Every structure is written in structure tokens, then in C-alpha cells.
């Protein structure tokens, strides 16, 4: 029985799954924590990889890494980090993003060139920030990698040429999903100097070996999740974790000048338009903390209120937001009255989370070549009973709940199996899911979305109080 190892090196932890390559059944899994923060020494990821994946690696016939997108791993000529890696959720590069968008000719020009309107999450903006604020470190730089590239490179013994894949590369801001080519001139414009880039591997290429173990290209975490879920036509993956992510597989590239949808590539040769919110599970964390309850208690309170929370609406841009691009925003709670209850406050937090994802889903519908007809709900916050109960109405499409699993690591394992088996397409692994019941008849969810949209527009331009 061939075994493959799929690794998810995420913001918070490394998760490793040893999987039967033929059936997709998980044989064993391990995890290790990452340091907190939005800037991390990437060598800590190597330590977490060794703790979580190391004991499984010798048993695997192939391995692939799905890594958090966008992180800037800048290395010197000896392959050592010159600076902590700035992660996707580090908002310090918001000003750099605005400057680069202007230099490229505006939002639509940015989207046409890179697939996305550059924002503070995207790698190229981190390099501009380093040029302006960490020039000494950048002056020692030789190459720049993404988190998954860095781990794959170490797995392969740190060869002279590192590799990446087109899916993760499409989130850098200096790769064109339209042409599948790097844009080194754009990188040099941002960083003020040239840097060595990894080679872009084919989707199921063998990029190296670790002992007898075949190394697959790996990919970004969102691309790996799409593989793990086996997204088909009309399926929208909706992940509620540290970030909120809505993604769909598409046959052609997209270029959304509004900035709501990032026009990424996927890990199979197709495309993965994606909308990402910085605030997701933390919205529920805040509601639970304010009310002095745990997540089950928050759900119980929320379900005891009514749709619309008696007019209470939460715009949950707590510490800035990416979709829409409001890096300086704060959360806004509108509609408080003397009759507002704890139940209403809980309901507003759950509805605010789902309404922000409904915004992303609507943007996807406008940009994708296939309208979403079903949402596949995953992530830690998808386990919340109130989220499950309210999602079909608020999102406006049927919702399925895939059985609990580590879908990024599973998608990386599926890529590893594809590479190992040499097949024309990834293996067809089953993804069991439960269809959620439609909500009972009640106020039109369109009214909720309209109230939310009105608050969103009225607060445009507001910033975090100093």
C-alpha cells in the first residue's frame, strides 16, 4: 500500500497527514504549534515540520507541502533568513500596497497585470515595505521564497535551484496567472534590487527526493484546500478559520478591479478566483469574550434571538480588512437600543461573520465563469452550531458540511499521490459531506444583506480610532 504525506504549514501550526495513496484514507496524523505573531523566523517552521512530519516522513513514498500564502521568506546567499518572514496578515505593508497600485496605473491595471489588486497581504508589498523600513536586511538578500517553497527546498537538501508551483506563485504580485510567467521587473521595482526566484514546476512534477521519498511541488494553502475538497463545477469552498476564504475552481483567469476577488491560479493548471477576509473566527472569539461565554454559549444565545438581531448589525472589520480593502478600518456595531439583549449581541456577531462571507460569495458570483450553486463549509468556526444553523439563509445557497478533516494537508497528500502515481489527474478520493437543512421560514435574508451593505457603504473611509 503506497503511503503519501501531506503537510499543512499554516499560520498557527504544522499539521501532517500520512494517507493511503489509493483510497485517501488517513493512516496517522500529527501536529506542532507555530509561534504567534504576524512576522515569524521561518526556521521555526522547520522545527515544527520536524516535530509533526519528521516521524512520518520515512514511511511516505511521496510528500507535498501546502503552505500559508504570501509570506515573504527572504534569504541571503548562504540560504539563511535576513529578516523575519512578514506573513499574509501583517498589515504594515498597506501603504506600500497603495503606492504600488498607483505605480502600476490603478486598481484595474494591477488586476490585469497580476490577477489581483495588490493589498497588504500580497508578497510584493512586503518587499516594498522592507525596502523602505528594513533596507539593511534587504541589502543582504539573495533570493525570495514563499513558506511552502522554503520547506520544500529544505526537504530537497537546499539545492541551488528552488521550486514553487503556479498556484502559490500567483499570490506573490510578481507572477502573471495569465501567462504563467514571473515578472522580475515588477519585483525589482518593489524591492529596489533583483532577487533570485524559484523555478515554477509543473503541477505533478517530481521536484526532488528526500531519501527514497518523492517530493511533489507543493502549493499554497488555499490551492491545497481546493484539492482536498475536490471542488467541482459550482462548488464554493468557504473556510472559516483565522481568515475567511471563499474560492472556486475556474477554467479561465480573472481580473477584478474592485479588489474583492484575487485572480489566483490553482494547483492543477486551472484557476482559483478567491476572496479572503482577514477577520473570521476571531469575530466569534470577540463575541464570546464580550459576553463571558464559550463558543457553545455564544451559539445558544445567538439562536435565542431573531433574524436580524432586532436591528443590530455588526460590520466585523475588527483590525482592518482585506475584502473589501480597508486596512485601517475598525469594527462597527450599529442599531443599539435600550432593548438590545445579550442574545441580540451574540446573533449580530454570528450574522456579521456570515454576512462578510456572503459579500465574498457575491463577488465570486460576479467574477467567476461558473456561479456558485453550493457552499462547502470548513474550518474551525464551521463547527459552531449557530454558524451551521444560519449559514444556508445568510449565504443564500445550499450548504454542505464536509466531515471534519485537515483539508489543506489532505490536498497536499492528494498532490503527492498524483505525483507518485504519475496519473493524468489527481486521484479521485471521496469527500463525505452532510447537507445542512434549509432554515425555517422567516424574514428575507436579502433584508439582512441589504442592511449590512448599507452599513458597509456608510462607513467607507472610516479608520481605527487613535
Protein backbone atom coordinates (compact mmCIF):
# COMPACT_ATOMS: atom_id res chain seq x y z
CA UNK A 1 0.00 0.00 0.00
CA UNK A 2 1.70 3.24 -1.10
CA UNK A 3 1.60 6.00 1.51
CA UNK A 4 1.85 9.74 0.93
CA UNK A 5 2.50 12.56 3.38
CA UNK A 6 0.54 15.81 3.13
CA UNK A 7 1.72 18.76 5.22
CA UNK A 8 -0.18 21.94 6.07
CA UNK A 9 2.22 24.65 7.29
CA UNK A 10 -0.35 27.24 8.31
CA UNK A 11 -0.27 30.47 10.25
CA UNK A 12 -0.83 28.70 13.56
CA UNK A 13 0.64 25.21 13.21
CA UNK A 14 2.07 22.41 11.12
CA UNK A 15 -0.31 19.51 10.51
CA UNK A 16 0.92 16.31 8.86
CA UNK A 17 -1.27 13.51 7.47
CA UNK A 18 0.01 10.11 6.38
CA UNK A 19 -2.51 8.92 3.79
CA UNK A 20 -3.21 5.78 1.74
CA UNK A 21 -2.45 6.95 -1.82
CA UNK A 22 -5.11 4.69 -3.35
CA UNK A 23 -8.11 5.43 -1.12
CA UNK A 24 -7.32 8.77 0.56
CA UNK A 25 -7.81 7.21 4.00
CA UNK A 26 -5.81 8.89 6.76
CA UNK A 27 -3.43 6.44 8.43
CA UNK A 28 -1.86 8.76 11.01
CA UNK A 29 -1.69 12.47 11.79
CA UNK A 30 0.47 14.74 13.93
CA UNK A 31 0.63 18.47 14.68
CA UNK A 32 3.02 21.08 16.09
CA UNK A 33 2.40 24.71 17.04
CA UNK A 34 3.92 27.79 15.38
CA UNK A 35 4.93 30.99 17.16
CA UNK A 36 2.29 33.68 17.42
CA UNK A 37 2.64 36.93 15.50
CA UNK A 38 2.45 38.34 12.00
CA UNK A 39 6.23 38.21 11.48
CA UNK A 40 8.00 34.90 12.19
CA UNK A 41 11.50 33.48 11.87
CA UNK A 42 10.91 30.84 9.15
CA UNK A 43 13.35 28.47 10.86
CA UNK A 44 10.64 27.92 13.46
CA UNK A 45 8.57 26.31 10.70
CA UNK A 46 11.39 23.87 10.06
CA UNK A 47 11.33 22.90 13.73
CA UNK A 48 7.55 22.43 13.65
CA UNK A 49 7.85 20.42 10.42
CA UNK A 50 10.41 18.13 12.06
CA UNK A 51 8.15 17.64 15.10
CA UNK A 52 4.94 16.99 13.16
CA UNK A 53 6.07 15.43 9.88
CA UNK A 54 9.52 14.08 10.74
CA UNK A 55 8.34 10.85 12.40
CA UNK A 56 6.09 10.09 9.38
CA UNK A 57 8.46 11.01 6.57
CA UNK A 58 10.40 7.74 6.31
CA UNK A 59 7.14 5.82 5.87
CA UNK A 60 5.98 8.01 2.97
CA UNK A 61 6.55 7.22 -0.70
CA UNK A 62 5.87 10.86 -1.61
CA UNK A 63 5.41 14.17 0.22
CA UNK A 64 3.96 17.60 -0.59
CA UNK A 65 3.64 20.79 1.43
CA UNK A 66 0.68 23.17 1.43
CA UNK A 67 1.85 26.44 2.96
CA UNK A 68 0.26 29.68 4.06
CA UNK A 69 0.16 32.02 1.06
CA UNK A 70 2.07 35.26 0.59
CA UNK A 71 4.66 35.09 3.40
CA UNK A 72 7.98 36.68 2.36
CA UNK A 73 10.91 34.38 3.12
CA UNK A 74 13.95 36.47 2.17
CA UNK A 75 17.28 34.62 2.29
CA UNK A 76 20.95 35.56 1.96
CA UNK A 77 23.43 33.82 -0.35
CA UNK A 78 24.02 31.14 2.32
CA UNK A 79 20.29 30.38 2.49
CA UNK A 80 19.68 31.98 5.89
CA UNK A 81 16.84 34.43 6.63
CA UNK A 82 17.80 38.11 6.60
CA UNK A 83 14.57 39.15 8.35
CA UNK A 84 11.52 37.56 9.94
CA UNK A 85 9.03 36.47 7.29
CA UNK A 86 6.19 39.01 7.07
CA UNK A 87 3.00 36.95 6.93
CA UNK A 88 -0.20 37.50 4.96
CA UNK A 89 -1.90 39.10 7.99
CA UNK A 90 0.83 41.66 8.66
CA UNK A 91 -0.84 44.95 7.72
CA UNK A 92 2.32 47.11 7.91
CA UNK A 93 2.65 46.97 4.14
CA UNK A 94 -0.74 48.59 3.45
CA UNK A 95 0.91 51.87 2.45
CA UNK A 96 3.34 50.02 0.21
CA UNK A 97 0.41 48.26 -1.46
CA UNK A 98 -1.33 51.56 -2.19
CA UNK A 99 1.87 53.00 -3.62
CA UNK A 100 2.45 50.01 -5.89
CA UNK A 101 -1.13 50.01 -7.18
CA UNK A 102 -0.74 53.67 -8.09
CA UNK A 103 2.61 52.99 -9.79
CA UNK A 104 1.03 50.22 -11.86
CA UNK A 105 -1.65 52.59 -13.13
CA UNK A 106 -4.51 51.96 -10.71
CA UNK A 107 -6.60 49.04 -9.43
CA UNK A 108 -7.76 47.64 -12.76
CA UNK A 109 -4.26 47.84 -14.23
CA UNK A 110 -2.94 46.00 -11.18
CA UNK A 111 -5.56 43.26 -11.58
CA UNK A 112 -4.91 42.97 -15.32
CA UNK A 113 -1.18 42.55 -14.72
CA UNK A 114 -1.01 40.38 -11.59
CA UNK A 115 -4.51 38.91 -11.30
CA UNK A 116 -5.18 40.93 -8.14
CA UNK A 117 -5.42 44.46 -6.87
CA UNK A 118 -2.34 44.49 -4.67
CA UNK A 119 -3.12 44.68 -0.96
CA UNK A 120 -1.16 44.38 2.27
CA UNK A 121 -1.34 40.58 2.24
CA UNK A 122 0.50 40.06 -1.04
CA UNK A 123 4.21 39.26 -1.06
CA UNK A 124 5.42 42.05 -3.31
CA UNK A 125 4.12 44.65 -0.87
CA UNK A 126 6.21 43.06 1.90
CA UNK A 127 9.32 43.55 -0.23
CA UNK A 128 8.47 47.22 -0.79
CA UNK A 129 7.99 47.60 2.97
CA UNK A 130 11.43 46.03 3.53
CA UNK A 131 12.97 48.42 1.01
CA UNK A 132 11.60 51.35 2.98
CA UNK A 133 11.91 50.05 6.56
CA UNK A 134 14.47 47.21 6.61
CA UNK A 135 16.95 48.28 3.93
CA UNK A 136 19.97 46.77 5.68
CA UNK A 137 18.34 43.33 5.76
CA UNK A 138 17.17 43.58 2.16
CA UNK A 139 20.67 44.64 1.13
CA UNK A 140 21.90 41.17 2.22
CA UNK A 141 19.14 39.35 0.34
CA UNK A 142 19.83 36.87 -2.46
CA UNK A 143 16.52 35.10 -3.06
CA UNK A 144 12.88 35.26 -2.01
CA UNK A 145 10.68 32.22 -1.42
CA UNK A 146 7.18 31.54 -0.16
CA UNK A 147 6.66 29.49 3.01
CA UNK A 148 5.87 26.27 1.14
CA UNK A 149 8.84 26.83 -1.19
CA UNK A 150 11.15 27.21 1.81
CA UNK A 151 10.04 23.91 3.35
CA UNK A 152 10.18 22.06 0.03
CA UNK A 153 13.66 23.45 -0.63
CA UNK A 154 14.89 22.20 2.74
CA UNK A 155 13.27 18.80 2.18
CA UNK A 156 15.19 18.51 -1.11
CA UNK A 157 18.50 19.31 0.61
CA UNK A 158 18.64 23.03 -0.27
CA UNK A 159 19.61 22.61 -3.95
CA UNK A 160 20.95 25.55 -5.92
CA UNK A 161 17.58 25.92 -7.68
CA UNK A 162 14.46 26.16 -5.52
CA UNK A 163 10.99 25.42 -6.91
CA UNK A 164 7.45 26.63 -6.44
CA UNK A 165 4.12 26.00 -8.18
CA UNK A 166 1.92 28.33 -10.20
CA UNK A 167 -0.84 28.32 -7.59
CA UNK A 168 1.26 29.76 -4.77
CA UNK A 169 3.28 31.90 -7.19
CA UNK A 170 0.08 33.62 -8.33
CA UNK A 171 -0.27 35.20 -4.89
CA UNK A 172 3.08 36.99 -4.95
CA UNK A 173 2.13 40.00 -7.07
CA UNK A 174 5.11 39.44 -9.39
CA UNK A 175 3.73 36.43 -11.27
CA UNK A 176 1.17 36.60 -14.07
CA UNK A 177 -1.58 33.94 -13.91
CA UNK A 178 -2.47 34.95 -17.47
CA UNK A 179 0.93 33.97 -18.93
CA UNK A 180 2.29 31.67 -16.18
CA UNK A 181 5.47 33.75 -16.07
CA UNK A 182 7.38 35.61 -13.39
CA UNK A 183 7.54 39.39 -13.72
CA UNK A 184 11.04 40.06 -12.27
CA UNK A 185 10.93 43.71 -13.34
CA UNK A 186 7.93 44.27 -11.07
CA UNK A 187 9.71 42.57 -8.19
CA UNK A 188 12.81 44.71 -8.75
CA UNK A 189 10.66 47.86 -8.87
CA UNK A 190 9.17 46.93 -5.49
CA UNK A 191 12.36 45.80 -3.76
CA UNK A 192 14.76 48.21 -5.41
CA UNK A 193 17.01 45.34 -6.46
CA UNK A 194 16.78 41.97 -8.26
CA UNK A 195 16.25 38.77 -6.28
CA UNK A 196 16.55 35.13 -7.37
CA UNK A 197 13.16 33.46 -7.84
CA UNK A 198 12.30 29.75 -7.70
CA UNK A 199 11.54 27.75 -10.82
CA UNK A 200 7.81 27.18 -11.38
CA UNK A 201 7.28 23.41 -11.51
CA UNK A 202 4.57 21.59 -13.43
CA UNK A 203 1.53 20.57 -11.35
CA UNK A 204 2.57 16.93 -10.67
CA UNK A 205 6.31 17.17 -11.31
CA UNK A 206 8.88 15.35 -9.19
CA UNK A 207 10.96 18.27 -7.84
CA UNK A 208 13.37 16.26 -5.70
CA UNK A 209 13.85 13.37 -3.31
CA UNK A 210 14.28 13.03 0.43
CA UNK A 211 15.96 9.68 0.71
CA UNK A 212 13.59 7.34 -1.17
CA UNK A 213 10.65 9.74 -0.76
CA UNK A 214 9.48 11.61 -3.87
CA UNK A 215 8.93 15.34 -3.35
CA UNK A 216 5.94 16.89 -5.14
CA UNK A 217 5.83 20.63 -5.94
CA UNK A 218 3.53 21.60 -3.07
CA UNK A 219 1.28 24.65 -3.31
CA UNK A 220 -0.44 27.42 -1.36
CA UNK A 221 -2.85 26.51 1.41
CA UNK A 222 -5.93 27.70 -0.46
CA UNK A 223 -4.97 25.73 -3.56
CA UNK A 224 -4.31 22.65 -1.42
CA UNK A 225 -7.71 23.04 0.27
CA UNK A 226 -9.40 23.11 -3.14
CA UNK A 227 -7.63 19.84 -3.97
CA UNK A 228 -8.54 18.32 -0.62
CA UNK A 229 -12.20 19.23 -1.04
CA UNK A 230 -12.27 18.08 -4.64
CA UNK A 231 -14.07 21.28 -5.67
CA UNK A 232 -16.23 20.68 -8.72
CA UNK A 233 -18.24 23.00 -11.01
CA UNK A 234 -20.43 25.32 -8.94
CA UNK A 235 -18.78 24.37 -5.64
CA UNK A 236 -17.57 27.25 -3.49
CA UNK A 237 -15.17 26.36 -0.73
CA UNK A 238 -15.95 28.51 2.33
CA UNK A 239 -13.32 28.23 5.03
CA UNK A 240 -13.81 29.91 8.42
CA UNK A 241 -10.52 29.84 10.27
CA UNK A 242 -8.04 32.55 11.18
CA UNK A 243 -9.11 34.08 7.87
CA UNK A 244 -12.32 33.65 5.94
CA UNK A 245 -11.82 32.28 2.44
CA UNK A 246 -14.26 31.79 -0.42
CA UNK A 247 -12.82 30.12 -3.51
CA UNK A 248 -13.96 28.37 -6.69
CA UNK A 249 -12.14 26.48 -9.42
CA UNK A 250 -12.46 28.24 -12.80
CA UNK A 251 -11.32 27.45 -16.32
CA UNK A 252 -10.04 30.94 -17.13
CA UNK A 253 -8.23 33.82 -15.40
CA UNK A 254 -9.99 36.75 -13.77
CA UNK A 255 -9.04 40.37 -13.10
CA UNK A 256 -11.33 42.11 -10.62
CA UNK A 257 -10.50 45.80 -10.42
CA UNK A 258 -12.66 46.23 -7.32
CA UNK A 259 -10.14 44.17 -5.35
CA UNK A 260 -12.81 41.88 -3.87
CA UNK A 261 -11.61 38.81 -5.81
CA UNK A 262 -7.99 37.77 -6.22
CA UNK A 263 -7.36 36.08 -9.56
CA UNK A 264 -5.13 33.21 -8.44
CA UNK A 265 -4.11 30.09 -10.32
CA UNK A 266 -4.81 26.67 -8.81
CA UNK A 267 -2.56 23.63 -8.37
CA UNK A 268 -3.86 21.68 -11.38
CA UNK A 269 -3.38 24.06 -14.31
CA UNK A 270 -6.71 25.83 -13.90
CA UNK A 271 -7.58 28.95 -11.89
CA UNK A 272 -8.79 29.70 -8.38
CA UNK A 273 -10.56 33.07 -8.01
CA UNK A 274 -10.61 33.75 -4.29
CA UNK A 275 -11.93 36.29 -1.83
CA UNK A 276 -10.29 36.40 1.59
CA UNK A 277 -11.32 38.23 4.76
CA UNK A 278 -8.77 38.95 7.49
CA UNK A 279 -11.48 38.63 10.15
CA UNK A 280 -13.26 35.30 10.55
CA UNK A 281 -13.20 33.05 13.63
CA UNK A 282 -11.90 35.96 15.71
CA UNK A 283 -15.33 37.59 15.27
CA UNK A 284 -16.85 34.74 17.28
CA UNK A 285 -13.93 34.90 19.73
CA UNK A 286 -14.72 38.57 20.37
CA UNK A 287 -18.44 37.96 20.83
CA UNK A 288 -17.79 35.13 23.28
CA UNK A 289 -15.30 37.23 25.26
CA UNK A 290 -17.60 40.26 25.45
CA UNK A 291 -20.46 38.11 26.67
CA UNK A 292 -18.36 36.00 29.04
CA UNK A 293 -19.28 32.67 27.43
CA UNK A 294 -17.59 29.94 25.43
CA UNK A 295 -18.39 29.26 21.77
CA UNK A 296 -21.25 26.91 22.59
CA UNK A 297 -22.69 29.56 24.88
CA UNK A 298 -22.40 32.16 22.13
CA UNK A 299 -24.27 29.85 19.75
CA UNK A 300 -27.03 29.22 22.30
CA UNK A 301 -27.52 32.95 22.85
CA UNK A 302 -27.47 33.71 19.10
CA UNK A 303 -30.09 31.10 18.31
CA UNK A 304 -32.35 32.53 21.03
CA UNK A 305 -32.52 35.87 19.17
CA UNK A 306 -34.28 36.53 15.84
CA UNK A 307 -33.01 37.01 12.28
CA UNK A 308 -31.57 40.50 12.09
CA UNK A 309 -30.95 40.62 15.86
CA UNK A 310 -33.73 43.20 16.33
CA UNK A 311 -31.92 45.65 14.04
CA UNK A 312 -28.41 45.15 15.46
CA UNK A 313 -25.78 44.86 12.69
CA UNK A 314 -22.07 44.19 13.11
CA UNK A 315 -19.60 45.20 10.41
CA UNK A 316 -16.74 42.96 11.61
CA UNK A 317 -13.65 44.72 10.26
CA UNK A 318 -12.04 44.43 13.67
CA UNK A 319 -8.37 45.14 12.96
CA UNK A 320 -8.52 46.19 9.33
CA UNK A 321 -9.88 44.17 6.45
CA UNK A 322 -8.70 42.76 3.14
CA UNK A 323 -12.08 42.09 1.44
CA UNK A 324 -13.03 44.84 0.99
CA UNK A 325 -9.64 46.55 1.21
CA UNK A 326 -9.91 48.58 4.40
CA UNK A 327 -6.60 48.06 6.22
CA UNK A 328 -7.25 50.96 8.63
CA UNK A 329 -10.85 50.06 9.47
CA UNK A 330 -12.33 49.07 12.82
CA UNK A 331 -15.47 47.09 13.59
CA UNK A 332 -18.79 48.93 13.69
CA UNK A 333 -21.86 47.91 15.72
CA UNK A 334 -24.99 49.69 14.54
CA UNK A 335 -28.54 49.67 15.89
CA UNK A 336 -28.02 49.50 19.65
CA UNK A 337 -31.13 50.46 21.64
CA UNK A 338 -32.18 50.19 25.26
CA UNK A 339 -33.99 46.98 24.28
CA UNK A 340 -30.86 45.26 22.89
CA UNK A 341 -30.19 41.93 24.62
CA UNK A 342 -27.22 39.64 25.11
CA UNK A 343 -28.92 37.31 22.66
CA UNK A 344 -29.04 40.07 20.04
CA UNK A 345 -25.37 40.86 20.54
CA UNK A 346 -24.45 37.21 20.06
CA UNK A 347 -26.66 36.96 16.98
CA UNK A 348 -25.07 40.08 15.45
CA UNK A 349 -21.61 38.53 15.78
CA UNK A 350 -22.63 35.30 14.05
CA UNK A 351 -24.58 37.13 11.34
CA UNK A 352 -21.73 39.63 10.87
CA UNK A 353 -19.30 36.79 10.22
CA UNK A 354 -21.61 35.10 7.72
CA UNK A 355 -22.57 38.36 6.02
CA UNK A 356 -18.91 39.20 5.40
CA UNK A 357 -18.58 35.78 3.74
CA UNK A 358 -21.79 36.39 1.77
CA UNK A 359 -20.16 39.56 0.44
CA UNK A 360 -17.21 37.46 -0.73
CA UNK A 361 -19.53 34.87 -2.27
CA UNK A 362 -21.43 37.56 -4.17
CA UNK A 363 -18.18 38.97 -5.52
CA UNK A 364 -17.22 35.47 -6.65
CA UNK A 365 -20.52 35.09 -8.45
CA UNK A 366 -19.84 38.32 -10.34
CA UNK A 367 -16.31 37.34 -11.40
CA UNK A 368 -16.24 33.56 -11.83
CA UNK A 369 -17.04 31.72 -15.04
CA UNK A 370 -19.38 29.48 -13.02
CA UNK A 371 -21.88 30.78 -10.47
CA UNK A 372 -21.73 29.18 -7.03
CA UNK A 373 -24.55 26.69 -6.52
CA UNK A 374 -23.31 25.12 -3.27
CA UNK A 375 -21.06 26.16 -0.40
CA UNK A 376 -18.76 23.63 1.25
CA UNK A 377 -18.22 24.92 4.78
CA UNK A 378 -14.96 24.02 6.51
CA UNK A 379 -12.68 25.44 9.21
CA UNK A 380 -12.81 25.54 12.99
CA UNK A 381 -15.67 28.03 13.22
CA UNK A 382 -17.80 25.88 10.89
CA UNK A 383 -18.32 23.62 13.93
CA UNK A 384 -20.26 26.36 15.74
CA UNK A 385 -23.96 25.33 15.92
CA UNK A 386 -25.20 28.86 15.21
CA UNK A 387 -22.94 29.19 12.17
CA UNK A 388 -24.31 25.92 10.83
CA UNK A 389 -27.91 26.89 11.54
CA UNK A 390 -27.73 30.35 9.93
CA UNK A 391 -25.35 29.73 7.03
CA UNK A 392 -27.84 28.49 4.38
CA UNK A 393 -30.09 31.54 4.77
CA UNK A 394 -27.36 34.17 5.10
CA UNK A 395 -25.14 32.79 2.33
CA UNK A 396 -28.12 32.30 0.04
CA UNK A 397 -27.04 28.93 -1.40
CA UNK A 398 -27.34 25.32 -0.21
CA UNK A 399 -24.61 24.48 2.29
CA UNK A 400 -22.80 21.17 2.78
CA UNK A 401 -20.60 20.38 5.75
CA UNK A 402 -17.72 18.08 4.76
CA UNK A 403 -16.82 15.68 7.53
CA UNK A 404 -14.18 17.17 9.87
CA UNK A 405 -10.72 16.93 8.39
CA UNK A 406 -7.48 18.75 7.65
CA UNK A 407 -8.29 19.62 4.06
CA UNK A 408 -5.12 21.59 3.29
CA UNK A 409 -2.94 18.68 4.41
CA UNK A 410 -5.26 16.26 2.62
CA UNK A 411 -4.98 18.29 -0.58
CA UNK A 412 -1.18 18.28 -0.29
CA UNK A 413 -1.34 14.49 0.15
CA UNK A 414 -3.55 14.24 -2.94
CA UNK A 415 -0.95 16.17 -4.93
CA UNK A 416 1.77 13.88 -3.58
CA UNK A 417 -0.26 10.84 -4.68
CA UNK A 418 -0.80 12.39 -8.12
CA UNK A 419 2.95 12.92 -8.47
CA UNK A 420 3.80 9.44 -7.17
CA UNK A 421 1.29 7.59 -9.35
CA UNK A 422 2.09 9.58 -12.49
CA UNK A 423 -1.60 9.81 -13.42
CA UNK A 424 -3.12 12.39 -15.75
CA UNK A 425 -5.26 13.87 -12.95
CA UNK A 426 -5.29 13.80 -9.16
CA UNK A 427 -6.69 10.57 -7.67
CA UNK A 428 -10.44 10.55 -7.08
CA UNK A 429 -10.74 10.45 -3.29
CA UNK A 430 -14.21 10.61 -1.68
CA UNK A 431 -15.16 13.67 0.38
CA UNK A 432 -18.10 12.72 2.65
CA UNK A 433 -20.35 15.67 3.48
CA UNK A 434 -23.61 16.41 5.26
CA UNK A 435 -26.14 18.66 3.57
CA UNK A 436 -27.40 21.28 6.03
CA UNK A 437 -31.14 21.80 6.34
CA UNK A 438 -32.62 24.97 4.90
CA UNK A 439 -33.74 27.39 7.63
CA UNK A 440 -37.31 27.68 8.80
CA UNK A 441 -39.40 30.36 7.09
CA UNK A 442 -38.58 33.81 8.40
CA UNK A 443 -37.59 37.33 7.33
CA UNK A 444 -35.97 37.51 3.93
CA UNK A 445 -32.20 37.07 4.24
CA UNK A 446 -31.97 39.65 1.48
CA UNK A 447 -33.05 42.23 4.08
CA UNK A 448 -30.11 41.21 6.27
CA UNK A 449 -27.69 41.55 3.38
CA UNK A 450 -29.17 44.92 2.41
CA UNK A 451 -28.81 46.28 5.97
CA UNK A 452 -25.24 45.02 6.10
CA UNK A 453 -24.39 46.51 2.69
CA UNK A 454 -25.85 49.86 3.74
CA UNK A 455 -23.68 49.94 6.86
CA UNK A 456 -20.64 48.92 4.82
CA UNK A 457 -21.13 51.79 2.41
CA UNK A 458 -21.86 54.38 5.11
CA UNK A 459 -18.63 53.52 6.94
CA UNK A 460 -16.36 53.59 3.88
CA UNK A 461 -13.40 55.77 4.70
CA UNK A 462 -13.68 55.37 8.47
CA UNK A 463 -10.45 54.37 10.19
CA UNK A 464 -9.39 52.88 13.51
CA UNK A 465 -9.63 55.48 16.31
CA UNK A 466 -6.23 56.63 17.51
